[in-house]
């Protein structure tokens, strides 16, 4: 460990080899992340984003989500915006780009996976505190919007009552988060009704 420090560039090479291989090759990911974390080598968030995108292409997102359970060992934390946003976007795309767009089964699977990610955010190593503040990643509109959209897509297909309840829950949280964080998504100046465009 003191003599054979892994180079940061070797991480990208390992990801490239996984991308060129098959899904089974991604089983090496947990050990790879742990090795870099133990060596105290900081990985560029952009590289982590590429890793997530590559795992999605290989249908190996489940392995990436599993890595969240070992955050103490591998430092793969949802407190890193590139990890949080990249993973949720990748989960959304699995449903959006299914063989049949927004296929109910794939969308339900994506919603369940997104909720697993949200569950991991409660861990202190991911968000640092159980108290949700305005700047807490759990209050990030992007984080709430993904499961909200997935639940809404299922509701359009005549989903069960529990899914409708999730739509209500996430939409309420999303409105609250947008108001609290005052992000660029929120405009506090009135918008004339003539300028409001509704789209499907």
N, C-alpha and C. Protein backbone atom coordinates (compact mmCIF):
# COMPACT_ATOMS: atom_id res chain seq x y z
N UNK A 1 0.82 -1.20 0.00
CA UNK A 1 0.00 0.00 0.00
C UNK A 1 0.86 1.26 0.00
N UNK A 2 2.02 1.20 0.65
CA UNK A 2 2.86 2.39 0.71
C UNK A 2 3.77 2.52 -0.52
N UNK A 3 3.93 1.43 -1.27
CA UNK A 3 4.82 1.46 -2.43
C UNK A 3 4.09 1.42 -3.76
N UNK A 4 3.00 0.68 -3.81
CA UNK A 4 2.28 0.51 -5.07
C UNK A 4 0.99 1.31 -5.08
N UNK A 5 1.12 2.61 -5.06
CA UNK A 5 -0.06 3.48 -5.08
C UNK A 5 -0.66 3.46 -6.48
N UNK A 6 -1.94 3.17 -6.63
CA UNK A 6 -2.56 3.15 -7.97
C UNK A 6 -2.62 4.55 -8.57
N UNK A 7 -2.34 4.64 -9.84
CA UNK A 7 -2.42 5.94 -10.50
C UNK A 7 -3.88 6.27 -10.78
N UNK A 8 -4.17 7.54 -10.84
CA UNK A 8 -5.55 7.94 -11.12
C UNK A 8 -5.94 7.55 -12.54
N UNK A 9 -4.98 7.62 -13.45
CA UNK A 9 -5.27 7.27 -14.84
C UNK A 9 -5.65 5.81 -15.01
N UNK A 10 -5.13 4.97 -14.11
CA UNK A 10 -5.43 3.54 -14.19
C UNK A 10 -6.91 3.27 -13.95
N UNK A 11 -7.55 4.16 -13.22
CA UNK A 11 -8.99 4.00 -12.97
C UNK A 11 -9.76 4.11 -14.29
N UNK A 12 -9.44 5.11 -15.08
CA UNK A 12 -10.10 5.28 -16.37
C UNK A 12 -9.84 4.08 -17.29
N UNK A 13 -8.64 3.55 -17.22
CA UNK A 13 -8.31 2.39 -18.04
C UNK A 13 -9.14 1.18 -17.61
N UNK A 14 -9.32 1.03 -16.30
CA UNK A 14 -10.12 -0.09 -15.79
C UNK A 14 -11.57 0.05 -16.25
N UNK A 15 -12.09 1.27 -16.20
CA UNK A 15 -13.48 1.50 -16.64
C UNK A 15 -13.60 1.22 -18.13
N UNK A 16 -12.60 1.63 -18.90
CA UNK A 16 -12.63 1.38 -20.35
C UNK A 16 -12.68 -0.11 -20.64
N UNK A 17 -11.89 -0.87 -19.91
CA UNK A 17 -11.86 -2.32 -20.12
C UNK A 17 -13.21 -2.94 -19.74
N UNK A 18 -13.84 -2.44 -18.70
CA UNK A 18 -15.17 -2.94 -18.32
C UNK A 18 -16.19 -2.62 -19.40
N UNK A 19 -16.09 -1.40 -19.96
CA UNK A 19 -17.02 -0.99 -21.02
C UNK A 19 -16.87 -1.87 -22.25
N UNK A 20 -15.65 -2.30 -22.53
CA UNK A 20 -15.40 -3.12 -23.72
C UNK A 20 -15.66 -4.59 -23.46
N UNK A 21 -15.81 -4.95 -22.19
CA UNK A 21 -16.05 -6.35 -21.85
C UNK A 21 -17.54 -6.66 -21.78
N UNK A 22 -17.94 -7.37 -20.73
CA UNK A 22 -19.35 -7.70 -20.57
C UNK A 22 -19.82 -7.36 -19.16
N UNK A 23 -21.07 -7.63 -18.89
CA UNK A 23 -21.65 -7.25 -17.61
C UNK A 23 -20.89 -7.85 -16.44
N UNK A 24 -20.40 -9.06 -16.58
CA UNK A 24 -19.69 -9.72 -15.49
C UNK A 24 -18.43 -8.97 -15.07
N UNK A 25 -17.83 -8.27 -16.02
CA UNK A 25 -16.61 -7.52 -15.70
C UNK A 25 -16.87 -6.43 -14.67
N UNK A 26 -18.11 -5.95 -14.61
CA UNK A 26 -18.45 -4.89 -13.66
C UNK A 26 -18.49 -5.39 -12.23
N UNK A 27 -18.41 -6.70 -12.03
CA UNK A 27 -18.33 -7.25 -10.68
C UNK A 27 -17.03 -6.82 -9.99
N UNK A 28 -16.06 -6.37 -10.78
CA UNK A 28 -14.79 -5.91 -10.22
C UNK A 28 -14.88 -4.49 -9.66
N UNK A 29 -15.99 -3.81 -9.93
CA UNK A 29 -16.11 -2.41 -9.54
C UNK A 29 -16.01 -2.17 -8.03
N UNK A 30 -16.71 -2.95 -7.18
CA UNK A 30 -16.61 -2.69 -5.74
C UNK A 30 -15.17 -2.74 -5.22
N UNK A 31 -14.40 -3.74 -5.67
CA UNK A 31 -13.00 -3.86 -5.25
C UNK A 31 -12.15 -2.70 -5.76
N UNK A 32 -12.45 -2.26 -6.99
CA UNK A 32 -11.71 -1.14 -7.59
C UNK A 32 -11.91 0.13 -6.77
N UNK A 33 -13.17 0.44 -6.45
CA UNK A 33 -13.46 1.64 -5.67
C UNK A 33 -12.85 1.56 -4.27
N UNK A 34 -12.93 0.39 -3.67
CA UNK A 34 -12.37 0.22 -2.32
C UNK A 34 -10.86 0.41 -2.33
N UNK A 35 -10.20 -0.12 -3.35
CA UNK A 35 -8.75 0.01 -3.44
C UNK A 35 -8.32 1.46 -3.52
N UNK A 36 -8.99 2.23 -4.35
CA UNK A 36 -8.64 3.65 -4.46
C UNK A 36 -8.94 4.40 -3.18
N UNK A 37 -10.04 4.07 -2.53
CA UNK A 37 -10.40 4.76 -1.29
C UNK A 37 -9.38 4.46 -0.20
N UNK A 38 -8.97 3.20 -0.07
CA UNK A 38 -8.00 2.83 0.94
C UNK A 38 -6.64 3.47 0.67
N UNK A 39 -6.34 3.71 -0.59
CA UNK A 39 -5.07 4.35 -0.96
C UNK A 39 -5.15 5.87 -0.86
N UNK A 40 -6.33 6.35 -0.48
CA UNK A 40 -6.55 7.80 -0.31
C UNK A 40 -6.29 8.56 -1.61
N UNK A 41 -6.65 7.95 -2.72
CA UNK A 41 -6.55 8.60 -4.03
C UNK A 41 -7.91 9.17 -4.37
N UNK A 42 -7.98 10.48 -4.55
CA UNK A 42 -9.26 11.12 -4.86
C UNK A 42 -9.59 10.96 -6.34
N UNK A 43 -10.75 10.41 -6.62
CA UNK A 43 -11.18 10.21 -8.00
C UNK A 43 -11.96 11.42 -8.48
N UNK A 44 -11.69 11.85 -9.68
CA UNK A 44 -12.38 13.00 -10.27
C UNK A 44 -13.88 12.67 -10.40
N UNK A 45 -14.76 13.55 -9.92
CA UNK A 45 -16.20 13.31 -10.04
C UNK A 45 -16.64 13.05 -11.48
N UNK A 46 -15.97 13.67 -12.44
CA UNK A 46 -16.30 13.45 -13.85
C UNK A 46 -16.05 11.99 -14.22
N UNK A 47 -15.00 11.41 -13.67
CA UNK A 47 -14.71 10.00 -13.94
C UNK A 47 -15.77 9.10 -13.34
N UNK A 48 -16.24 9.47 -12.15
CA UNK A 48 -17.30 8.69 -11.52
C UNK A 48 -18.58 8.76 -12.36
N UNK A 49 -18.82 9.93 -12.95
CA UNK A 49 -19.97 10.07 -13.84
C UNK A 49 -19.85 9.18 -15.06
N UNK A 50 -18.66 9.10 -15.61
CA UNK A 50 -18.43 8.22 -16.77
C UNK A 50 -18.62 6.76 -16.36
N UNK A 51 -18.16 6.42 -15.16
CA UNK A 51 -18.30 5.06 -14.65
C UNK A 51 -19.78 4.67 -14.58
N UNK A 52 -20.61 5.57 -14.06
CA UNK A 52 -22.04 5.31 -13.93
C UNK A 52 -22.68 5.14 -15.30
N UNK A 53 -22.30 6.02 -16.23
CA UNK A 53 -22.86 5.94 -17.58
C UNK A 53 -22.47 4.62 -18.25
N UNK A 54 -21.23 4.19 -18.05
CA UNK A 54 -20.78 2.94 -18.63
C UNK A 54 -21.51 1.75 -18.04
N UNK A 55 -21.76 1.81 -16.74
CA UNK A 55 -22.50 0.72 -16.09
C UNK A 55 -23.92 0.65 -16.61
N UNK A 56 -24.53 1.79 -16.88
CA UNK A 56 -25.90 1.79 -17.43
C UNK A 56 -25.91 1.13 -18.81
N UNK A 57 -24.93 1.47 -19.63
CA UNK A 57 -24.86 0.88 -20.98
C UNK A 57 -24.69 -0.63 -20.91
N UNK A 58 -24.01 -1.10 -19.86
CA UNK A 58 -23.76 -2.53 -19.71
C UNK A 58 -24.85 -3.24 -18.91
N UNK A 59 -25.91 -2.50 -18.56
CA UNK A 59 -26.98 -3.06 -17.74
C UNK A 59 -26.45 -3.54 -16.39
N UNK A 60 -25.51 -2.76 -15.83
CA UNK A 60 -24.87 -3.14 -14.57
C UNK A 60 -25.11 -2.10 -13.47
N UNK A 61 -26.19 -1.34 -13.59
CA UNK A 61 -26.47 -0.31 -12.58
C UNK A 61 -26.69 -0.91 -11.20
N UNK A 62 -27.20 -2.13 -11.15
CA UNK A 62 -27.44 -2.75 -9.85
C UNK A 62 -26.14 -2.88 -9.06
N UNK A 63 -25.03 -3.10 -9.76
CA UNK A 63 -23.73 -3.21 -9.09
C UNK A 63 -23.31 -1.86 -8.53
N UNK A 64 -23.57 -0.80 -9.28
CA UNK A 64 -23.24 0.55 -8.81
C UNK A 64 -24.06 0.88 -7.57
N UNK A 65 -25.35 0.55 -7.58
CA UNK A 65 -26.22 0.81 -6.43
C UNK A 65 -25.73 0.01 -5.22
N UNK A 66 -25.27 -1.21 -5.44
CA UNK A 66 -24.74 -2.02 -4.34
C UNK A 66 -23.53 -1.36 -3.70
N UNK A 67 -22.74 -0.67 -4.50
CA UNK A 67 -21.55 0.01 -3.97
C UNK A 67 -21.91 1.08 -2.94
N UNK A 68 -23.13 1.61 -3.04
CA UNK A 68 -23.56 2.62 -2.08
C UNK A 68 -23.65 2.06 -0.67
N UNK A 69 -23.87 0.76 -0.56
CA UNK A 69 -23.99 0.12 0.75
C UNK A 69 -22.64 0.05 1.47
N UNK A 70 -21.55 0.18 0.71
CA UNK A 70 -20.21 0.04 1.27
C UNK A 70 -19.47 1.36 1.31
N UNK A 71 -20.21 2.45 1.52
CA UNK A 71 -19.62 3.79 1.45
C UNK A 71 -18.46 3.98 2.41
N UNK A 72 -18.50 3.34 3.58
CA UNK A 72 -17.39 3.48 4.53
C UNK A 72 -16.11 2.88 3.97
N UNK A 73 -16.24 1.83 3.15
CA UNK A 73 -15.07 1.15 2.60
C UNK A 73 -14.57 1.77 1.31
N UNK A 74 -15.52 2.34 0.52
CA UNK A 74 -15.11 2.79 -0.83
C UNK A 74 -15.26 4.29 -1.08
N UNK A 75 -15.86 5.03 -0.16
CA UNK A 75 -16.01 6.47 -0.34
C UNK A 75 -16.95 6.88 -1.46
N UNK A 76 -17.69 5.91 -2.00
CA UNK A 76 -18.61 6.19 -3.11
C UNK A 76 -19.90 6.76 -2.51
N UNK A 77 -19.93 8.07 -2.39
CA UNK A 77 -20.99 8.73 -1.62
C UNK A 77 -21.93 9.56 -2.47
N UNK A 78 -23.18 9.55 -2.08
CA UNK A 78 -24.20 10.36 -2.75
C UNK A 78 -24.07 11.83 -2.40
N UNK A 79 -23.16 12.16 -1.50
CA UNK A 79 -22.90 13.56 -1.19
C UNK A 79 -22.15 14.23 -2.34
N UNK A 80 -21.58 13.42 -3.24
CA UNK A 80 -20.89 13.93 -4.43
C UNK A 80 -21.94 14.18 -5.51
N UNK A 81 -22.15 15.42 -5.92
CA UNK A 81 -23.21 15.73 -6.90
C UNK A 81 -23.14 14.88 -8.16
N UNK A 82 -21.95 14.62 -8.69
CA UNK A 82 -21.81 13.84 -9.92
C UNK A 82 -22.31 12.41 -9.72
N UNK A 83 -22.14 11.88 -8.52
CA UNK A 83 -22.62 10.52 -8.22
C UNK A 83 -24.14 10.54 -8.07
N UNK A 84 -24.62 11.47 -7.28
CA UNK A 84 -26.06 11.56 -6.99
C UNK A 84 -26.86 11.80 -8.27
N UNK A 85 -26.48 12.81 -9.00
CA UNK A 85 -27.23 13.19 -10.20
C UNK A 85 -27.01 12.20 -11.33
N UNK A 86 -25.78 11.73 -11.47
CA UNK A 86 -25.48 10.79 -12.54
C UNK A 86 -26.22 9.48 -12.37
N UNK A 87 -26.31 9.01 -11.13
CA UNK A 87 -26.97 7.74 -10.88
C UNK A 87 -28.48 7.85 -11.08
N UNK A 88 -29.07 8.92 -10.60
CA UNK A 88 -30.52 9.09 -10.77
C UNK A 88 -30.88 9.29 -12.25
N UNK A 89 -30.04 10.02 -12.97
CA UNK A 89 -30.29 10.20 -14.40
C UNK A 89 -30.18 8.87 -15.14
N UNK A 90 -29.18 8.07 -14.76
CA UNK A 90 -29.00 6.77 -15.41
C UNK A 90 -30.20 5.87 -15.13
N UNK A 91 -30.70 5.90 -13.91
CA UNK A 91 -31.87 5.09 -13.56
C UNK A 91 -33.08 5.54 -14.39
N UNK A 92 -33.26 6.84 -14.51
CA UNK A 92 -34.38 7.36 -15.31
C UNK A 92 -34.25 6.91 -16.77
N UNK A 93 -33.05 6.94 -17.30
CA UNK A 93 -32.85 6.60 -18.71
C UNK A 93 -33.13 5.13 -18.99
N UNK A 94 -32.96 4.26 -17.99
CA UNK A 94 -33.28 2.84 -18.21
C UNK A 94 -34.75 2.66 -18.54
N UNK A 95 -35.59 3.52 -17.97
CA UNK A 95 -37.03 3.45 -18.26
C UNK A 95 -37.35 4.21 -19.55
N UNK A 96 -36.72 5.36 -19.71
CA UNK A 96 -36.99 6.20 -20.88
C UNK A 96 -36.53 5.51 -22.18
N UNK A 97 -35.43 4.77 -22.10
CA UNK A 97 -34.87 4.16 -23.30
C UNK A 97 -35.10 2.66 -23.36
N UNK A 98 -36.11 2.19 -22.65
CA UNK A 98 -36.47 0.77 -22.72
C UNK A 98 -36.93 0.43 -24.14
N UNK A 99 -36.97 -0.85 -24.45
CA UNK A 99 -37.37 -1.28 -25.80
C UNK A 99 -38.71 -0.66 -26.18
N UNK A 100 -39.64 -0.63 -25.23
CA UNK A 100 -40.88 0.13 -25.39
C UNK A 100 -40.78 1.31 -24.44
N UNK A 101 -40.75 2.52 -24.99
CA UNK A 101 -40.53 3.71 -24.17
C UNK A 101 -41.46 3.77 -22.97
N UNK A 102 -40.87 3.98 -21.79
CA UNK A 102 -41.61 4.04 -20.53
C UNK A 102 -42.43 2.77 -20.30
N UNK A 103 -41.85 1.64 -20.68
CA UNK A 103 -42.47 0.35 -20.41
C UNK A 103 -42.81 0.26 -18.92
N UNK A 104 -44.02 -0.18 -18.60
CA UNK A 104 -44.49 -0.18 -17.21
C UNK A 104 -43.58 -1.00 -16.30
N UNK A 105 -43.16 -2.15 -16.77
CA UNK A 105 -42.31 -3.01 -15.95
C UNK A 105 -40.95 -2.37 -15.69
N UNK A 106 -40.35 -1.80 -16.74
CA UNK A 106 -39.05 -1.15 -16.59
C UNK A 106 -39.16 0.12 -15.75
N UNK A 107 -40.27 0.83 -15.91
CA UNK A 107 -40.46 2.05 -15.13
C UNK A 107 -40.65 1.73 -13.65
N UNK A 108 -41.39 0.67 -13.37
CA UNK A 108 -41.58 0.25 -11.97
C UNK A 108 -40.24 -0.18 -11.36
N UNK A 109 -39.42 -0.87 -12.16
CA UNK A 109 -38.11 -1.30 -11.69
C UNK A 109 -37.22 -0.07 -11.41
N UNK A 110 -37.30 0.91 -12.31
CA UNK A 110 -36.50 2.13 -12.14
C UNK A 110 -36.95 2.91 -10.90
N UNK A 111 -38.26 2.97 -10.67
CA UNK A 111 -38.77 3.67 -9.48
C UNK A 111 -38.26 3.00 -8.21
N UNK A 112 -38.32 1.68 -8.18
CA UNK A 112 -37.85 0.95 -7.01
C UNK A 112 -36.37 1.21 -6.78
N UNK A 113 -35.58 1.23 -7.85
CA UNK A 113 -34.15 1.46 -7.73
C UNK A 113 -33.87 2.89 -7.27
N UNK A 114 -34.63 3.85 -7.79
CA UNK A 114 -34.46 5.25 -7.37
C UNK A 114 -34.78 5.40 -5.88
N UNK A 115 -35.78 4.68 -5.41
CA UNK A 115 -36.14 4.76 -4.00
C UNK A 115 -35.09 4.10 -3.12
N UNK A 116 -34.40 3.10 -3.64
CA UNK A 116 -33.28 2.51 -2.91
C UNK A 116 -32.18 3.55 -2.74
N UNK A 117 -31.91 4.29 -3.81
CA UNK A 117 -30.90 5.35 -3.75
C UNK A 117 -31.30 6.40 -2.71
N UNK A 118 -32.56 6.82 -2.72
CA UNK A 118 -33.03 7.78 -1.74
C UNK A 118 -32.89 7.24 -0.32
N UNK A 119 -33.11 5.96 -0.16
CA UNK A 119 -32.96 5.34 1.15
C UNK A 119 -31.52 5.42 1.64
N UNK A 120 -30.56 5.20 0.74
CA UNK A 120 -29.15 5.28 1.12
C UNK A 120 -28.76 6.70 1.55
N UNK A 121 -29.46 7.69 1.05
CA UNK A 121 -29.11 9.07 1.37
C UNK A 121 -29.33 9.39 2.85
N UNK A 122 -30.08 8.54 3.55
CA UNK A 122 -30.31 8.74 4.98
C UNK A 122 -29.07 8.35 5.79
N UNK A 123 -28.15 7.62 5.19
CA UNK A 123 -26.94 7.19 5.89
C UNK A 123 -26.04 8.40 6.14
N UNK A 124 -25.48 8.52 7.35
CA UNK A 124 -24.61 9.67 7.67
C UNK A 124 -23.44 9.84 6.71
N UNK A 125 -22.91 8.74 6.18
CA UNK A 125 -21.77 8.85 5.26
C UNK A 125 -22.18 9.41 3.90
N UNK A 126 -23.47 9.41 3.63
CA UNK A 126 -23.95 9.96 2.36
C UNK A 126 -24.39 11.41 2.51
N UNK A 127 -25.14 11.70 3.55
CA UNK A 127 -25.64 13.07 3.72
C UNK A 127 -25.14 13.76 4.98
N UNK A 128 -24.54 13.01 5.88
CA UNK A 128 -23.89 13.63 7.02
C UNK A 128 -24.75 13.95 8.21
N UNK A 129 -26.07 13.99 8.03
CA UNK A 129 -26.95 14.33 9.14
C UNK A 129 -28.35 13.83 8.85
N UNK A 130 -29.05 13.49 9.90
CA UNK A 130 -30.43 13.05 9.72
C UNK A 130 -31.37 14.25 9.63
N UNK A 131 -30.87 15.44 9.93
CA UNK A 131 -31.68 16.64 9.85
C UNK A 131 -31.60 17.21 8.43
N UNK A 132 -32.73 17.36 7.79
CA UNK A 132 -32.76 17.88 6.42
C UNK A 132 -32.82 19.40 6.43
N UNK A 133 -31.78 20.03 5.89
CA UNK A 133 -31.74 21.49 5.78
C UNK A 133 -32.03 21.90 4.34
N UNK A 134 -32.10 23.22 4.11
CA UNK A 134 -32.39 23.71 2.77
C UNK A 134 -31.33 23.27 1.76
N UNK A 135 -30.08 23.12 2.22
CA UNK A 135 -28.99 22.76 1.32
C UNK A 135 -28.67 21.27 1.35
N UNK A 136 -29.46 20.51 2.07
CA UNK A 136 -29.24 19.07 2.15
C UNK A 136 -29.51 18.43 0.79
N UNK A 137 -28.64 17.49 0.36
CA UNK A 137 -28.85 16.81 -0.93
C UNK A 137 -30.22 16.16 -1.04
N UNK A 138 -30.78 15.73 0.10
CA UNK A 138 -32.10 15.08 0.08
C UNK A 138 -33.21 16.07 -0.27
N UNK A 139 -32.91 17.37 -0.13
CA UNK A 139 -33.89 18.40 -0.48
C UNK A 139 -33.64 18.96 -1.88
N UNK A 140 -32.70 18.37 -2.60
CA UNK A 140 -32.39 18.81 -3.96
C UNK A 140 -33.58 18.46 -4.86
N UNK A 141 -34.14 19.46 -5.55
CA UNK A 141 -35.28 19.18 -6.43
C UNK A 141 -35.03 18.07 -7.43
N UNK A 142 -33.79 17.99 -7.92
CA UNK A 142 -33.44 16.95 -8.89
C UNK A 142 -33.63 15.56 -8.30
N UNK A 143 -33.23 15.42 -7.04
CA UNK A 143 -33.33 14.13 -6.35
C UNK A 143 -34.79 13.69 -6.23
N UNK A 144 -35.66 14.63 -5.95
CA UNK A 144 -37.07 14.32 -5.76
C UNK A 144 -37.79 14.17 -7.09
N UNK A 145 -37.35 14.93 -8.09
CA UNK A 145 -38.05 14.95 -9.38
C UNK A 145 -38.00 13.62 -10.11
N UNK A 146 -36.89 12.89 -9.99
CA UNK A 146 -36.76 11.63 -10.73
C UNK A 146 -37.78 10.59 -10.26
N UNK A 147 -37.85 10.27 -8.96
CA UNK A 147 -38.88 9.30 -8.55
C UNK A 147 -40.29 9.84 -8.76
N UNK A 148 -40.45 11.17 -8.68
CA UNK A 148 -41.77 11.77 -8.92
C UNK A 148 -42.21 11.50 -10.36
N UNK A 149 -41.31 11.72 -11.31
CA UNK A 149 -41.66 11.48 -12.71
C UNK A 149 -41.93 10.00 -12.97
N UNK A 150 -41.11 9.14 -12.42
CA UNK A 150 -41.29 7.71 -12.63
C UNK A 150 -42.64 7.23 -12.09
N UNK A 151 -42.99 7.73 -10.89
CA UNK A 151 -44.29 7.37 -10.31
C UNK A 151 -45.43 7.91 -11.16
N UNK A 152 -45.26 9.13 -11.66
CA UNK A 152 -46.29 9.75 -12.49
C UNK A 152 -46.48 8.97 -13.80
N UNK A 153 -45.38 8.49 -14.38
CA UNK A 153 -45.47 7.69 -15.61
C UNK A 153 -46.27 6.41 -15.36
N UNK A 154 -46.03 5.79 -14.21
CA UNK A 154 -46.78 4.59 -13.87
C UNK A 154 -48.26 4.91 -13.65
N UNK A 155 -48.52 6.07 -13.04
CA UNK A 155 -49.91 6.47 -12.78
C UNK A 155 -50.67 6.67 -14.09
N UNK A 156 -49.98 7.12 -15.12
CA UNK A 156 -50.63 7.32 -16.42
C UNK A 156 -51.09 5.99 -17.02
N UNK A 157 -50.42 4.92 -16.60
CA UNK A 157 -50.79 3.58 -17.09
C UNK A 157 -51.80 2.89 -16.20
N UNK A 158 -52.46 3.68 -15.34
CA UNK A 158 -53.46 3.10 -14.46
C UNK A 158 -52.85 2.30 -13.32
N UNK A 159 -51.86 2.90 -12.66
CA UNK A 159 -51.15 2.21 -11.59
C UNK A 159 -52.02 2.04 -10.34
N UNK A 160 -51.51 1.22 -9.41
CA UNK A 160 -52.23 0.95 -8.17
C UNK A 160 -52.31 2.19 -7.29
N UNK A 161 -53.12 2.10 -6.26
CA UNK A 161 -53.33 3.22 -5.36
C UNK A 161 -52.04 3.64 -4.66
N UNK A 162 -51.18 2.68 -4.35
CA UNK A 162 -49.94 3.02 -3.65
C UNK A 162 -49.03 3.88 -4.52
N UNK A 163 -49.07 3.66 -5.84
CA UNK A 163 -48.28 4.49 -6.75
C UNK A 163 -48.85 5.90 -6.82
N UNK A 164 -50.17 6.02 -6.84
CA UNK A 164 -50.81 7.34 -6.84
C UNK A 164 -50.44 8.10 -5.58
N UNK A 165 -50.34 7.39 -4.47
CA UNK A 165 -49.94 8.02 -3.21
C UNK A 165 -48.51 8.54 -3.30
N UNK A 166 -47.65 7.80 -4.02
CA UNK A 166 -46.27 8.23 -4.20
C UNK A 166 -46.19 9.49 -5.06
N UNK A 167 -47.04 9.56 -6.08
CA UNK A 167 -47.07 10.75 -6.92
C UNK A 167 -47.40 11.97 -6.06
N UNK A 168 -48.40 11.83 -5.22
CA UNK A 168 -48.79 12.94 -4.35
C UNK A 168 -47.67 13.30 -3.37
N UNK A 169 -47.04 12.28 -2.81
CA UNK A 169 -45.96 12.50 -1.83
C UNK A 169 -44.79 13.23 -2.47
N UNK A 170 -44.30 12.71 -3.62
CA UNK A 170 -43.13 13.29 -4.25
C UNK A 170 -43.42 14.67 -4.85
N UNK A 171 -44.60 14.85 -5.40
CA UNK A 171 -44.93 16.16 -5.97
C UNK A 171 -45.00 17.23 -4.87
N UNK A 172 -45.54 16.86 -3.71
CA UNK A 172 -45.59 17.79 -2.58
C UNK A 172 -44.18 18.15 -2.12
N UNK A 173 -43.33 17.13 -2.03
CA UNK A 173 -41.94 17.36 -1.62
C UNK A 173 -41.20 18.22 -2.64
N UNK A 174 -41.48 17.98 -3.92
CA UNK A 174 -40.80 18.72 -4.98
C UNK A 174 -41.16 20.20 -4.93
N UNK A 175 -42.43 20.48 -4.77
CA UNK A 175 -42.87 21.88 -4.69
C UNK A 175 -42.22 22.57 -3.50
N UNK A 176 -42.17 21.87 -2.38
CA UNK A 176 -41.56 22.42 -1.18
C UNK A 176 -40.07 22.66 -1.37
N UNK A 177 -39.39 21.70 -2.01
CA UNK A 177 -37.95 21.81 -2.24
C UNK A 177 -37.62 22.98 -3.17
N UNK A 178 -38.42 23.14 -4.21
CA UNK A 178 -38.19 24.24 -5.15
C UNK A 178 -38.36 25.59 -4.45
N UNK A 179 -39.34 25.68 -3.59
CA UNK A 179 -39.58 26.93 -2.87
C UNK A 179 -38.47 27.21 -1.86
N UNK A 180 -38.02 26.18 -1.16
CA UNK A 180 -37.00 26.37 -0.12
C UNK A 180 -35.64 26.71 -0.70
N UNK A 181 -35.25 26.00 -1.75
CA UNK A 181 -33.90 26.20 -2.27
C UNK A 181 -33.80 27.38 -3.21
N UNK A 182 -34.93 27.85 -3.71
CA UNK A 182 -34.94 29.02 -4.60
C UNK A 182 -33.95 28.83 -5.75
N UNK A 183 -34.03 27.68 -6.37
CA UNK A 183 -33.12 27.37 -7.48
C UNK A 183 -33.54 28.13 -8.74
N UNK A 184 -32.74 27.95 -9.77
CA UNK A 184 -33.03 28.59 -11.05
C UNK A 184 -34.31 28.05 -11.66
N UNK A 185 -34.80 26.93 -11.14
CA UNK A 185 -36.04 26.36 -11.67
C UNK A 185 -37.26 27.14 -11.19
N UNK A 186 -37.06 27.98 -10.19
CA UNK A 186 -38.19 28.71 -9.61
C UNK A 186 -38.11 30.18 -10.00
N UNK A 187 -39.20 30.73 -10.43
CA UNK A 187 -39.28 32.15 -10.74
C UNK A 187 -40.31 32.77 -9.80
N UNK A 188 -39.89 33.78 -9.08
CA UNK A 188 -40.78 34.37 -8.09
C UNK A 188 -41.54 35.58 -8.64
N UNK A 189 -41.29 35.93 -9.90
CA UNK A 189 -42.05 37.00 -10.53
C UNK A 189 -43.24 36.38 -11.25
N UNK A 190 -44.40 36.99 -11.19
CA UNK A 190 -45.59 36.42 -11.83
C UNK A 190 -45.38 36.24 -13.33
N UNK A 191 -45.89 35.15 -13.85
CA UNK A 191 -45.82 34.87 -15.29
C UNK A 191 -47.22 35.04 -15.88
N UNK A 192 -47.39 35.93 -16.86
CA UNK A 192 -48.71 36.10 -17.47
C UNK A 192 -49.24 34.78 -18.00
N UNK A 193 -50.52 34.52 -17.79
CA UNK A 193 -51.11 33.26 -18.22
C UNK A 193 -50.97 33.04 -19.71
N UNK A 194 -50.88 34.11 -20.48
CA UNK A 194 -50.76 33.97 -21.93
C UNK A 194 -49.42 33.37 -22.33
N UNK A 195 -48.44 33.41 -21.40
CA UNK A 195 -47.11 32.90 -21.73
C UNK A 195 -46.91 31.47 -21.23
N UNK A 196 -47.86 30.94 -20.54
CA UNK A 196 -47.75 29.59 -20.01
C UNK A 196 -48.10 28.58 -21.11
N UNK A 197 -47.18 27.68 -21.37
CA UNK A 197 -47.39 26.67 -22.41
C UNK A 197 -47.47 25.30 -21.77
N UNK A 198 -48.50 24.59 -22.05
CA UNK A 198 -48.66 23.26 -21.49
C UNK A 198 -48.26 22.25 -22.56
N UNK A 199 -47.49 21.25 -22.14
CA UNK A 199 -47.09 20.20 -23.08
C UNK A 199 -47.22 18.85 -22.42
N UNK A 200 -47.39 17.81 -23.22
CA UNK A 200 -47.56 16.47 -22.70
C UNK A 200 -46.26 15.82 -22.33
